Amino acid sequence: MPRAPRCIESSSTDPYTNLAIEACLMRSAREGEPILYLWQNERTVVIGRNQCASAECDVERLERDGGHLARRRSGGGAVYHDLGNLNFTFVTTAGEYDQDEQTGVILDAVRSLGIAAERTGRNDLVVDGGRKFSGHAYQHTGAASCHHGTIMVAVDVDALGRYLTVSPLKLQAKGVRSVRSRVTNLRELNPGLMVAALKDALRASFANRVGGPVTQGDVRELDQRELARERERFCSRAWLYKGERRFGESRQSRFGWGSARVDLTREDGVIRDLVVFSDGLEAERIEAIPGLLVGAKDAPEELVRRLRAGGFSEDVAADVARLVAG
C-alpha cells in the first residue's frame, strides 16, 4: 500500500481545542497514513492522565495570570507550554507505531539545526550536560497509537518554575534542586532559533524518515461536531480534577516506573475507596488499580494477588501493594 504521510498544523493556541484535535486525529488513523501534528498552547500547564492537578500545579496563580490547566489522555508528568514551546504528535495505526523511528524524527530535526541531542531515561531528550529540552508520552487505544511531546525553543523558564509544583521526591531522583534547573531551551544552543525553523526541520525529517513527500492536512477536514464534543470534555472540571476528593489517608513514593501517590479510606481492614495519582507512562493500567483493590483486605499478599491477576508485573504489584498497605 502506498504511504500518504500528512503534516497537520493547528492555528489555535487553546489547549482544549488542540487536545481535542489530537483525539479526533487518533480516531481517524488509517493504515499507510502516518500523521505529524504540530501545535502550540498559550500559557498552559498540561498534566498527565493520572496526576493530581492541585499537587502538580499552582492552579490559582496560573489562572490569575490568564493561563489554563489541561489534562492529556497519556501518562507521564506535568509540563508547561507557552508560545516558546512547540508540541508534536505522531498518530499511526497500532501496527505501524514505531517509537524509535518517531523519536528519530525529533532528534534528526534538532541535530540538523546544529544541536547535539540524545535520548535518555524513560522519555526525555537532552542536550549538553543532560539538560532536558523535550519530554514524551504515549497512548495506545487498540486501533491507533499516539506519541507526543514538547520541544522547548524559547520557553519562559521563570513562568515554568512559578506554576509547576514538582514533588521533592521526583527532584531528588533526578538529582536537581528545581525543575527550572533541569531544563533548557534550544535557543540557548542556537541563538536566534525560531519555532518556524524548527517546524521546517521537523517536516523535512518526517519526510526523510517515512521515505516520501508529506502532504499538508487541514483541521477543517475533521468532524466539527466531534471536535466540539471532545473540547468540552477536555475543559470539564470532572476531567481536570478527576480523582480529587476527601480521603482518610494519603502516602507517596517513587519507583523505577514513576512516582505514585495513593489516597485511600479503609474500614475494618478493608479498602473502601482508593485513587492512585501517578506520572507513570502506562496510564490505562495505572487507572485500573482502584477497580482491582477497592473491597480488598489491606494485607500486602492479597493486594499483590489482585494486582497480578489484573496483569501487573510482580515488581510493580509489590510496589503498589507496599504503598497501599503502608
C-alpha atoms as a PDB file:
ATOM      1  CA  MET A   1       0.000   0.000   0.000  1.00  0.00           C
ATOM      2  CA  PRO A   2       1.464   3.415  -0.931  1.00  0.00           C
ATOM      3  CA  ARG A   3       2.167   5.633   2.049  1.00  0.00           C
ATOM      4  CA  ALA A   4       0.468   9.027   2.254  1.00  0.00           C
ATOM      5  CA  PRO A   5       2.011  10.774   5.273  1.00  0.00           C
ATOM      6  CA  ARG A   6       0.435  14.035   6.359  1.00  0.00           C
ATOM      7  CA  CYS A   7       1.530  17.028   8.396  1.00  0.00           C
ATOM      8  CA  ILE A   8      -1.255  18.938  10.126  1.00  0.00           C
ATOM      9  CA  GLU A   9      -0.799  22.224  11.987  1.00  0.00           C
ATOM     10  CA  SER A  10      -3.234  23.869  14.367  1.00  0.00           C
ATOM     11  CA  SER A  11      -3.739  27.623  14.155  1.00  0.00           C
ATOM     12  CA  SER A  12      -5.311  27.635  17.643  1.00  0.00           C
ATOM     13  CA  THR A  13      -3.391  28.240  20.869  1.00  0.00           C
ATOM     14  CA  ASP A  14      -6.266  26.980  23.039  1.00  0.00           C
ATOM     15  CA  PRO A  15      -5.135  23.791  24.831  1.00  0.00           C
ATOM     16  CA  TYR A  16      -8.583  22.192  24.927  1.00  0.00           C
ATOM     17  CA  THR A  17      -9.068  22.660  21.185  1.00  0.00           C
ATOM     18  CA  ASN A  18      -5.613  21.303  20.421  1.00  0.00           C
ATOM     19  CA  LEU A  19      -6.058  18.226  22.615  1.00  0.00           C
ATOM     20  CA  ALA A  20      -9.462  17.668  21.019  1.00  0.00           C
ATOM     21  CA  ILE A  21      -7.879  17.801  17.551  1.00  0.00           C
ATOM     22  CA  GLU A  22      -5.368  15.181  18.655  1.00  0.00           C
ATOM     23  CA  ALA A  23      -8.149  12.906  19.927  1.00  0.00           C
ATOM     24  CA  CYS A  24     -10.042  13.234  16.637  1.00  0.00           C
ATOM     25  CA  LEU A  25      -6.902  12.501  14.633  1.00  0.00           C
ATOM     26  CA  MET A  26      -6.432   9.284  16.598  1.00  0.00           C
ATOM     27  CA  ARG A  27      -9.961   8.179  15.734  1.00  0.00           C
ATOM     28  CA  SER A  28      -9.311   8.858  12.062  1.00  0.00           C
ATOM     29  CA  ALA A  29      -5.975   6.983  11.909  1.00  0.00           C
ATOM     30  CA  ARG A  30      -5.649   4.874   8.756  1.00  0.00           C
ATOM     31  CA  GLU A  31      -3.062   2.365   7.649  1.00  0.00           C
ATOM     32  CA  GLY A  32      -0.375   3.871   5.452  1.00  0.00           C
ATOM     33  CA  GLU A  33      -1.176   7.454   6.548  1.00  0.00           C
ATOM     34  CA  PRO A  34       1.104   8.438   9.438  1.00  0.00           C
ATOM     35  CA  ILE A  35       0.425  11.923  10.755  1.00  0.00           C
ATOM     36  CA  LEU A  36       2.739  14.549  12.216  1.00  0.00           C
ATOM     37  CA  TYR A  37       0.589  17.080  14.090  1.00  0.00           C
ATOM     38  CA  LEU A  38       2.211  20.351  15.225  1.00  0.00           C
ATOM     39  CA  TRP A  39       0.558  22.632  17.771  1.00  0.00           C
ATOM     40  CA  GLN A  40       1.193  25.323  20.384  1.00  0.00           C
ATOM     41  CA  ASN A  41      -0.595  26.412  23.547  1.00  0.00           C
ATOM     42  CA  GLU A  42      -0.610  29.795  25.204  1.00  0.00           C
ATOM     43  CA  ARG A  43       0.399  29.713  28.909  1.00  0.00           C
ATOM     44  CA  THR A  44      -0.801  26.259  29.912  1.00  0.00           C
ATOM     45  CA  VAL A  45       0.150  23.563  32.393  1.00  0.00           C
ATOM     46  CA  VAL A  46      -0.687  20.127  30.988  1.00  0.00           C
ATOM     47  CA  ILE A  47      -0.742  17.278  33.498  1.00  0.00           C
ATOM     48  CA  GLY A  48      -0.612  13.551  32.805  1.00  0.00           C
ATOM     49  CA  ARG A  49      -3.726  11.405  32.753  1.00  0.00           C
ATOM     50  CA  ASN A  50      -3.336  10.148  36.333  1.00  0.00           C
ATOM     51  CA  GLN A  51      -1.789  13.147  38.043  1.00  0.00           C
ATOM     52  CA  CYS A  52      -3.335  15.238  40.808  1.00  0.00           C
ATOM     53  CA  ALA A  53      -3.935  18.742  39.448  1.00  0.00           C
ATOM     54  CA  SER A  54      -3.657  20.542  42.772  1.00  0.00           C
ATOM     55  CA  ALA A  55      -0.391  18.737  43.612  1.00  0.00           C
ATOM     56  CA  GLU A  56       1.334  19.393  40.277  1.00  0.00           C
ATOM     57  CA  CYS A  57       0.347  22.979  39.558  1.00  0.00           C
ATOM     58  CA  ASP A  58      -0.324  26.258  41.339  1.00  0.00           C
ATOM     59  CA  VAL A  59      -3.673  26.439  39.576  1.00  0.00           C
ATOM     60  CA  GLU A  60      -4.837  29.624  41.321  1.00  0.00           C
ATOM     61  CA  ARG A  61      -1.730  31.524  40.290  1.00  0.00           C
ATOM     62  CA  LEU A  62      -1.827  30.138  36.750  1.00  0.00           C
ATOM     63  CA  GLU A  63      -5.438  31.125  36.201  1.00  0.00           C
ATOM     64  CA  ARG A  64      -4.939  34.518  37.847  1.00  0.00           C
ATOM     65  CA  ASP A  65      -2.255  35.147  35.235  1.00  0.00           C
ATOM     66  CA  GLY A  66      -4.632  34.201  32.420  1.00  0.00           C
ATOM     67  CA  GLY A  67      -3.307  30.664  31.968  1.00  0.00           C
ATOM     68  CA  HIS A  68      -5.020  27.301  31.630  1.00  0.00           C
ATOM     69  CA  LEU A  69      -4.873  23.932  33.335  1.00  0.00           C
ATOM     70  CA  ALA A  70      -5.270  20.967  30.980  1.00  0.00           C
ATOM     71  CA  ARG A  71      -5.073  17.194  31.330  1.00  0.00           C
ATOM     72  CA  ARG A  72      -3.978  14.970  28.452  1.00  0.00           C
ATOM     73  CA  ARG A  73      -5.003  11.351  27.858  1.00  0.00           C
ATOM     74  CA  SER A  74      -1.480   9.924  28.079  1.00  0.00           C
ATOM     75  CA  GLY A  75       0.589   9.270  31.188  1.00  0.00           C
ATOM     76  CA  GLY A  76       3.763  10.976  32.294  1.00  0.00           C
ATOM     77  CA  GLY A  77       4.382  14.179  34.190  1.00  0.00           C
ATOM     78  CA  ALA A  78       3.275  17.798  34.163  1.00  0.00           C
ATOM     79  CA  VAL A  79       4.696  20.202  31.580  1.00  0.00           C
ATOM     80  CA  TYR A  80       4.454  23.936  30.946  1.00  0.00           C
ATOM     81  CA  HIS A  81       3.527  25.266  27.495  1.00  0.00           C
ATOM     82  CA  ASP A  82       3.789  28.749  26.064  1.00  0.00           C
ATOM     83  CA  LEU A  83       4.455  30.059  22.567  1.00  0.00           C
ATOM     84  CA  GLY A  84       8.176  29.414  23.001  1.00  0.00           C
ATOM     85  CA  ASN A  85       7.345  25.700  23.027  1.00  0.00           C
ATOM     86  CA  LEU A  86       6.357  23.512  20.079  1.00  0.00           C
ATOM     87  CA  ASN A  87       4.244  20.398  20.633  1.00  0.00           C
ATOM     88  CA  PHE A  88       4.364  17.454  18.264  1.00  0.00           C
ATOM     89  CA  THR A  89       2.147  14.391  17.929  1.00  0.00           C
ATOM     90  CA  PHE A  90       2.699  11.312  15.799  1.00  0.00           C
ATOM     91  CA  VAL A  91      -0.522   9.431  15.047  1.00  0.00           C
ATOM     92  CA  THR A  92      -0.390   5.991  13.427  1.00  0.00           C
ATOM     93  CA  THR A  93      -2.326   2.765  13.398  1.00  0.00           C
ATOM     94  CA  ALA A  94      -1.222   0.401  16.150  1.00  0.00           C
ATOM     95  CA  GLY A  95       0.555  -1.861  13.657  1.00  0.00           C
ATOM     96  CA  GLU A  96       2.636   0.980  12.209  1.00  0.00           C
ATOM     97  CA  TYR A  97       3.644   2.538  15.515  1.00  0.00           C
ATOM     98  CA  ASP A  98       7.442   2.765  15.874  1.00  0.00           C
ATOM     99  CA  GLN A  99       8.565   4.764  18.884  1.00  0.00           C
ATOM    100  CA  ASP A 100      12.243   4.674  17.940  1.00  0.00           C
ATOM    101  CA  GLU A 101      11.556   5.962  14.434  1.00  0.00           C
ATOM    102  CA  GLN A 102       9.308   8.721  15.743  1.00  0.00           C
ATOM    103  CA  THR A 103      11.886   9.791  18.310  1.00  0.00           C
ATOM    104  CA  GLY A 104      14.403   9.740  15.484  1.00  0.00           C
ATOM    105  CA  VAL A 105      12.351  12.348  13.611  1.00  0.00           C
ATOM    106  CA  ILE A 106      12.777  14.759  16.528  1.00  0.00           C
ATOM    107  CA  LEU A 107      16.460  14.003  17.040  1.00  0.00           C
ATOM    108  CA  ASP A 108      17.249  14.326  13.316  1.00  0.00           C
ATOM    109  CA  ALA A 109      15.448  17.675  13.134  1.00  0.00           C
ATOM    110  CA  VAL A 110      17.212  19.110  16.180  1.00  0.00           C
ATOM    111  CA  ARG A 111      20.611  17.858  15.020  1.00  0.00           C
ATOM    112  CA  SER A 112      20.031  19.425  11.592  1.00  0.00           C
ATOM    113  CA  LEU A 113      19.864  22.768  13.421  1.00  0.00           C
ATOM    114  CA  GLY A 114      23.377  22.237  14.764  1.00  0.00           C
ATOM    115  CA  ILE A 115      22.384  20.986  18.211  1.00  0.00           C
ATOM    116  CA  ALA A 116      23.766  17.728  19.603  1.00  0.00           C
ATOM    117  CA  ALA A 117      20.826  15.934  21.227  1.00  0.00           C
ATOM    118  CA  GLU A 118      20.253  12.467  22.580  1.00  0.00           C
ATOM    119  CA  ARG A 119      17.619  10.310  24.222  1.00  0.00           C
ATOM    120  CA  THR A 120      17.845   9.411  27.893  1.00  0.00           C
ATOM    121  CA  GLY A 121      15.753   7.882  30.684  1.00  0.00           C
ATOM    122  CA  ARG A 122      12.156   6.857  30.227  1.00  0.00           C
ATOM    123  CA  ASN A 123      11.012   9.566  27.856  1.00  0.00           C
ATOM    124  CA  ASP A 124      13.362  12.570  27.706  1.00  0.00           C
ATOM    125  CA  LEU A 125      15.554  14.185  25.055  1.00  0.00           C
ATOM    126  CA  VAL A 126      18.526  16.120  26.396  1.00  0.00           C
ATOM    127  CA  VAL A 127      21.416  18.288  25.257  1.00  0.00           C
ATOM    128  CA  ASP A 128      24.881  19.028  26.644  1.00  0.00           C
ATOM    129  CA  GLY A 129      25.055  18.448  30.377  1.00  0.00           C
ATOM    130  CA  GLY A 130      21.954  16.270  30.434  1.00  0.00           C
ATOM    131  CA  ARG A 131      19.542  19.197  30.406  1.00  0.00           C
ATOM    132  CA  LYS A 132      16.087  18.283  29.133  1.00  0.00           C
ATOM    133  CA  PHE A 133      14.501  20.116  26.203  1.00  0.00           C
ATOM    134  CA  SER A 134      11.837  17.572  25.232  1.00  0.00           C
ATOM    135  CA  GLY A 135       9.601  15.197  27.179  1.00  0.00           C
ATOM    136  CA  HIS A 136       7.500  12.481  25.530  1.00  0.00           C
ATOM    137  CA  ALA A 137       4.405  10.474  26.411  1.00  0.00           C
ATOM    138  CA  TYR A 138       2.415   7.746  24.675  1.00  0.00           C
ATOM    139  CA  GLN A 139      -1.121   6.459  24.270  1.00  0.00           C
ATOM    140  CA  HIS A 140      -2.451   3.289  22.658  1.00  0.00           C
ATOM    141  CA  THR A 141      -6.171   2.775  22.083  1.00  0.00           C
ATOM    142  CA  GLY A 142      -6.015  -0.579  20.319  1.00  0.00           C
ATOM    143  CA  ALA A 143      -6.705   0.687  16.810  1.00  0.00           C
ATOM    144  CA  ALA A 144      -4.427   3.729  16.944  1.00  0.00           C
ATOM    145  CA  SER A 145      -1.334   4.948  18.736  1.00  0.00           C
ATOM    146  CA  CYS A 146      -0.117   8.378  19.721  1.00  0.00           C
ATOM    147  CA  HIS A 147       3.399   9.575  20.567  1.00  0.00           C
ATOM    148  CA  HIS A 148       3.503  13.212  21.601  1.00  0.00           C
ATOM    149  CA  GLY A 149       5.682  15.663  23.448  1.00  0.00           C
ATOM    150  CA  THR A 150       7.160  19.107  23.899  1.00  0.00           C
ATOM    151  CA  ILE A 151      10.166  20.833  22.345  1.00  0.00           C
ATOM    152  CA  MET A 152      11.438  23.853  24.265  1.00  0.00           C
ATOM    153  CA  VAL A 153      12.717  26.552  21.913  1.00  0.00           C
ATOM    154  CA  ALA A 154      12.327  29.742  23.938  1.00  0.00           C
ATOM    155  CA  VAL A 155      10.050  28.880  26.854  1.00  0.00           C
ATOM    156  CA  ASP A 156       9.729  31.312  29.773  1.00  0.00           C
ATOM    157  CA  VAL A 157      11.509  29.130  32.339  1.00  0.00           C
ATOM    158  CA  ASP A 158      10.709  31.565  35.142  1.00  0.00           C
ATOM    159  CA  ALA A 159       6.996  31.015  34.472  1.00  0.00           C
ATOM    160  CA  LEU A 160       7.613  27.275  34.326  1.00  0.00           C
ATOM    161  CA  GLY A 161       9.117  27.480  37.806  1.00  0.00           C
ATOM    162  CA  ARG A 162       6.232  29.578  39.123  1.00  0.00           C
ATOM    163  CA  TYR A 163       3.426  27.281  38.016  1.00  0.00           C
ATOM    164  CA  LEU A 164       4.808  23.746  38.324  1.00  0.00           C
ATOM    165  CA  THR A 165       4.944  22.324  41.858  1.00  0.00           C
ATOM    166  CA  VAL A 166       7.031  19.221  41.300  1.00  0.00           C
ATOM    167  CA  SER A 167       7.289  16.674  44.113  1.00  0.00           C
ATOM    168  CA  PRO A 168      10.577  16.812  46.062  1.00  0.00           C
ATOM    169  CA  LEU A 169      10.771  13.023  45.602  1.00  0.00           C
ATOM    170  CA  LYS A 170      10.982  13.474  41.832  1.00  0.00           C
ATOM    171  CA  LEU A 171      13.555  16.257  42.038  1.00  0.00           C
ATOM    172  CA  GLN A 172      15.654  14.172  44.397  1.00  0.00           C
ATOM    173  CA  ALA A 173      15.520  11.230  41.996  1.00  0.00           C
ATOM    174  CA  LYS A 174      16.729  13.493  39.179  1.00  0.00           C
ATOM    175  CA  GLY A 175      19.478  14.974  41.347  1.00  0.00           C
ATOM    176  CA  VAL A 176      18.331  18.591  40.930  1.00  0.00           C
ATOM    177  CA  ARG A 177      17.067  21.329  43.230  1.00  0.00           C
ATOM    178  CA  SER A 178      14.260  22.580  40.997  1.00  0.00           C
ATOM    179  CA  VAL A 179      12.500  21.760  37.765  1.00  0.00           C
ATOM    180  CA  ARG A 180      13.847  25.024  36.323  1.00  0.00           C
ATOM    181  CA  SER A 181      17.451  23.866  36.783  1.00  0.00           C
ATOM    182  CA  ARG A 182      16.784  20.614  34.924  1.00  0.00           C
ATOM    183  CA  VAL A 183      15.532  22.057  31.617  1.00  0.00           C
ATOM    184  CA  THR A 184      16.893  24.254  28.848  1.00  0.00           C
ATOM    185  CA  ASN A 185      15.785  25.963  25.654  1.00  0.00           C
ATOM    186  CA  LEU A 186      17.233  25.075  22.257  1.00  0.00           C
ATOM    187  CA  ARG A 187      17.814  28.760  21.672  1.00  0.00           C
ATOM    188  CA  GLU A 188      20.496  28.614  24.348  1.00  0.00           C
ATOM    189  CA  LEU A 189      22.469  26.428  21.940  1.00  0.00           C
ATOM    190  CA  ASN A 190      21.333  28.018  18.680  1.00  0.00           C
ATOM    191  CA  PRO A 191      20.783  31.752  19.328  1.00  0.00           C
ATOM    192  CA  GLY A 192      18.084  33.190  17.133  1.00  0.00           C
ATOM    193  CA  LEU A 193      16.345  29.858  16.533  1.00  0.00           C
ATOM    194  CA  MET A 194      12.645  30.379  15.814  1.00  0.00           C
ATOM    195  CA  VAL A 195       9.777  27.930  16.177  1.00  0.00           C
ATOM    196  CA  ALA A 196       9.077  28.308  12.447  1.00  0.00           C
ATOM    197  CA  ALA A 197      12.558  26.992  11.616  1.00  0.00           C
ATOM    198  CA  LEU A 198      12.032  24.017  13.910  1.00  0.00           C
ATOM    199  CA  LYS A 199       8.726  23.252  12.172  1.00  0.00           C
ATOM    200  CA  ASP A 200      10.507  23.236   8.794  1.00  0.00           C
ATOM    201  CA  ALA A 201      13.192  20.916  10.168  1.00  0.00           C
ATOM    202  CA  LEU A 202      10.568  18.545  11.581  1.00  0.00           C
ATOM    203  CA  ARG A 203       8.656  18.369   8.319  1.00  0.00           C
ATOM    204  CA  ALA A 204      11.868  17.601   6.400  1.00  0.00           C
ATOM    205  CA  SER A 205      12.940  14.981   8.942  1.00  0.00           C
ATOM    206  CA  PHE A 206       9.488  13.371   8.898  1.00  0.00           C
ATOM    207  CA  ALA A 207       9.527  13.159   5.084  1.00  0.00           C
ATOM    208  CA  ASN A 208      13.002  11.613   5.158  1.00  0.00           C
ATOM    209  CA  ARG A 209      12.016   9.001   7.746  1.00  0.00           C
ATOM    210  CA  VAL A 210       8.782   7.953   6.004  1.00  0.00           C
ATOM    211  CA  GLY A 211      10.583   7.898   2.646  1.00  0.00           C
ATOM    212  CA  GLY A 212       8.341  10.141   0.618  1.00  0.00           C
ATOM    213  CA  PRO A 213       6.630  13.505   0.216  1.00  0.00           C
ATOM    214  CA  VAL A 214       4.392  14.767   3.015  1.00  0.00           C
ATOM    215  CA  THR A 215       1.060  16.365   2.191  1.00  0.00           C
ATOM    216  CA  GLN A 216      -0.372  19.240   4.211  1.00  0.00           C
ATOM    217  CA  GLY A 217      -3.571  18.267   6.041  1.00  0.00           C
ATOM    218  CA  ASP A 218      -6.278  20.602   7.278  1.00  0.00           C
ATOM    219  CA  VAL A 219      -8.009  20.587  10.674  1.00  0.00           C
ATOM    220  CA  ARG A 220     -11.220  21.657   8.921  1.00  0.00           C
ATOM    221  CA  GLU A 221     -11.432  18.168   7.408  1.00  0.00           C
ATOM    222  CA  LEU A 222     -12.241  16.746  10.857  1.00  0.00           C
ATOM    223  CA  ASP A 223     -15.806  16.192  12.065  1.00  0.00           C
ATOM    224  CA  GLN A 224     -16.510  19.554  13.696  1.00  0.00           C
ATOM    225  CA  ARG A 225     -19.271  18.233  15.954  1.00  0.00           C
ATOM    226  CA  GLU A 226     -16.976  15.520  17.259  1.00  0.00           C
ATOM    227  CA  LEU A 227     -14.274  18.134  17.762  1.00  0.00           C
ATOM    228  CA  ALA A 228     -16.641  20.299  19.798  1.00  0.00           C
ATOM    229  CA  ARG A 229     -17.656  17.328  21.987  1.00  0.00           C
ATOM    230  CA  GLU A 230     -14.017  16.443  22.639  1.00  0.00           C
ATOM    231  CA  ARG A 231     -13.138  20.019  23.523  1.00  0.00           C
ATOM    232  CA  GLU A 232     -16.000  20.156  26.022  1.00  0.00           C
ATOM    233  CA  ARG A 233     -14.698  17.007  27.695  1.00  0.00           C
ATOM    234  CA  PHE A 234     -11.119  18.265  27.918  1.00  0.00           C
ATOM    235  CA  CYS A 235     -12.147  21.531  29.605  1.00  0.00           C
ATOM    236  CA  SER A 236     -14.654  19.931  32.009  1.00  0.00           C
ATOM    237  CA  ARG A 237     -13.941  20.142  35.721  1.00  0.00           C
ATOM    238  CA  ALA A 238     -14.662  16.412  36.067  1.00  0.00           C
ATOM    239  CA  TRP A 239     -11.757  15.636  33.722  1.00  0.00           C
ATOM    240  CA  LEU A 240      -9.362  18.300  35.030  1.00  0.00           C
ATOM    241  CA  TYR A 241      -9.772  17.316  38.697  1.00  0.00           C
ATOM    242  CA  LYS A 242     -10.618  13.636  38.338  1.00  0.00           C
ATOM    243  CA  GLY A 243      -9.983  11.601  41.468  1.00  0.00           C
ATOM    244  CA  GLU A 244      -9.641  14.547  43.834  1.00  0.00           C
ATOM    245  CA  ARG A 245     -11.914  14.137  46.868  1.00  0.00           C
ATOM    246  CA  ARG A 246     -11.654  13.646  50.621  1.00  0.00           C
ATOM    247  CA  PHE A 247      -9.876  10.510  51.879  1.00  0.00           C
ATOM    248  CA  GLY A 248      -8.746   9.184  55.221  1.00  0.00           C
ATOM    249  CA  GLU A 249      -5.086   8.560  54.325  1.00  0.00           C
ATOM    250  CA  SER A 250      -2.501   9.623  51.772  1.00  0.00           C
ATOM    251  CA  ARG A 251       1.057   8.450  51.110  1.00  0.00           C
ATOM    252  CA  GLN A 252       3.501   8.632  48.230  1.00  0.00           C
ATOM    253  CA  SER A 253       6.740   7.145  46.961  1.00  0.00           C
ATOM    254  CA  ARG A 254       8.876   6.942  43.838  1.00  0.00           C
ATOM    255  CA  PHE A 255       9.712   3.779  41.926  1.00  0.00           C
ATOM    256  CA  GLY A 256      11.618   2.830  38.796  1.00  0.00           C
ATOM    257  CA  TRP A 257       8.403   3.107  36.746  1.00  0.00           C
ATOM    258  CA  GLY A 258       7.443   6.535  38.124  1.00  0.00           C
ATOM    259  CA  SER A 259       6.130   8.313  41.165  1.00  0.00           C
ATOM    260  CA  ALA A 260       2.860   7.313  42.815  1.00  0.00           C
ATOM    261  CA  ARG A 261       0.557   8.683  45.487  1.00  0.00           C
ATOM    262  CA  VAL A 262      -2.339   6.744  46.917  1.00  0.00           C
ATOM    263  CA  ASP A 263      -5.261   8.385  48.689  1.00  0.00           C
ATOM    264  CA  LEU A 264      -7.487   5.860  50.404  1.00  0.00           C
ATOM    265  CA  THR A 265     -10.121   5.203  53.003  1.00  0.00           C
ATOM    266  CA  ARG A 266     -10.191   1.887  54.824  1.00  0.00           C
ATOM    267  CA  GLU A 267     -12.602   0.387  57.328  1.00  0.00           C
ATOM    268  CA  ASP A 268     -12.031  -2.726  59.448  1.00  0.00           C
ATOM    269  CA  GLY A 269      -9.008  -3.665  57.378  1.00  0.00           C
ATOM    270  CA  VAL A 270     -10.832  -3.360  54.055  1.00  0.00           C
ATOM    271  CA  ILE A 271     -10.143  -0.717  51.387  1.00  0.00           C
ATOM    272  CA  ARG A 272     -13.382   1.205  50.865  1.00  0.00           C
ATOM    273  CA  ASP A 273     -12.162   3.911  48.460  1.00  0.00           C
ATOM    274  CA  LEU A 274      -8.896   4.469  46.628  1.00  0.00           C
ATOM    275  CA  VAL A 275      -7.347   6.683  43.970  1.00  0.00           C
ATOM    276  CA  VAL A 276      -3.845   6.476  42.520  1.00  0.00           C
ATOM    277  CA  PHE A 277      -2.095   9.603  41.266  1.00  0.00           C
ATOM    278  CA  SER A 278       0.987   8.862  39.191  1.00  0.00           C
ATOM    279  CA  ASP A 279       3.281  10.090  36.427  1.00  0.00           C
ATOM    280  CA  GLY A 280       3.796   6.507  35.249  1.00  0.00           C
ATOM    281  CA  LEU A 281       3.675   6.153  31.474  1.00  0.00           C
ATOM    282  CA  GLU A 282       1.275   3.166  31.432  1.00  0.00           C
ATOM    283  CA  ALA A 283      -1.705   5.405  32.071  1.00  0.00           C
ATOM    284  CA  GLU A 284      -4.579   2.997  31.395  1.00  0.00           C
ATOM    285  CA  ARG A 285      -3.055   0.287  33.558  1.00  0.00           C
ATOM    286  CA  ILE A 286      -2.499   2.646  36.493  1.00  0.00           C
ATOM    287  CA  GLU A 287      -6.052   3.927  36.116  1.00  0.00           C
ATOM    288  CA  ALA A 288      -7.303   0.350  36.602  1.00  0.00           C
ATOM    289  CA  ILE A 289      -5.741  -0.075  40.073  1.00  0.00           C
ATOM    290  CA  PRO A 290      -8.707   1.196  42.160  1.00  0.00           C
ATOM    291  CA  GLY A 291     -11.062  -1.230  40.426  1.00  0.00           C
ATOM    292  CA  LEU A 292      -8.757  -4.088  41.382  1.00  0.00           C
ATOM    293  CA  LEU A 293      -8.218  -3.100  45.010  1.00  0.00           C
ATOM    294  CA  VAL A 294     -11.397  -1.487  46.340  1.00  0.00           C
ATOM    295  CA  GLY A 295     -13.134  -4.055  48.526  1.00  0.00           C
ATOM    296  CA  ALA A 296      -9.912  -5.982  49.193  1.00  0.00           C
ATOM    297  CA  LYS A 297      -8.361  -6.640  52.582  1.00  0.00           C
ATOM    298  CA  ASP A 298      -5.353  -4.397  53.093  1.00  0.00           C
ATOM    299  CA  ALA A 299      -2.918  -7.313  53.568  1.00  0.00           C
ATOM    300  CA  PRO A 300       0.010  -6.960  51.104  1.00  0.00           C
ATOM    301  CA  GLU A 301      -0.269 -10.541  49.865  1.00  0.00           C
ATOM    302  CA  GLU A 302      -3.950 -10.056  48.977  1.00  0.00           C
ATOM    303  CA  LEU A 303      -3.199  -6.780  47.181  1.00  0.00           C
ATOM    304  CA  VAL A 304      -0.370  -8.382  45.205  1.00  0.00           C
ATOM    305  CA  ARG A 305      -2.627 -11.300  44.250  1.00  0.00           C
ATOM    306  CA  ARG A 306      -5.301  -8.963  42.888  1.00  0.00           C
ATOM    307  CA  LEU A 307      -2.803  -6.796  41.003  1.00  0.00           C
ATOM    308  CA  ARG A 308      -1.096  -9.801  39.470  1.00  0.00           C
ATOM    309  CA  ALA A 309      -4.495 -11.136  38.377  1.00  0.00           C
ATOM    310  CA  GLY A 310      -5.058  -7.741  36.751  1.00  0.00           C
ATOM    311  CA  GLY A 311      -1.952  -8.107  34.625  1.00  0.00           C
ATOM    312  CA  PHE A 312       0.652  -6.223  36.668  1.00  0.00           C
ATOM    313  CA  SER A 313       4.229  -7.477  36.838  1.00  0.00           C
ATOM    314  CA  GLU A 314       5.444  -8.923  40.115  1.00  0.00           C
ATOM    315  CA  ASP A 315       7.678  -5.916  40.829  1.00  0.00           C
ATOM    316  CA  VAL A 316       5.051  -3.244  40.124  1.00  0.00           C
ATOM    317  CA  ALA A 317       2.388  -5.196  42.052  1.00  0.00           C
ATOM    318  CA  ALA A 318       4.724  -5.398  45.058  1.00  0.00           C
ATOM    319  CA  ASP A 319       5.492  -1.659  44.853  1.00  0.00           C
ATOM    320  CA  VAL A 320       1.820  -0.686  44.768  1.00  0.00           C
ATOM    321  CA  ALA A 321       0.852  -3.176  47.484  1.00  0.00           C
ATOM    322  CA  ARG A 322       3.502  -1.849  49.886  1.00  0.00           C
ATOM    323  CA  LEU A 323       2.393   1.719  49.249  1.00  0.00           C
ATOM    324  CA  VAL A 324      -1.292   0.938  49.771  1.00  0.00           C
ATOM    325  CA  ALA A 325      -0.754  -1.273  52.821  1.00  0.00           C
ATOM    326  CA  GLY A 326       1.630   1.221  54.389  1.00  0.00           C
END
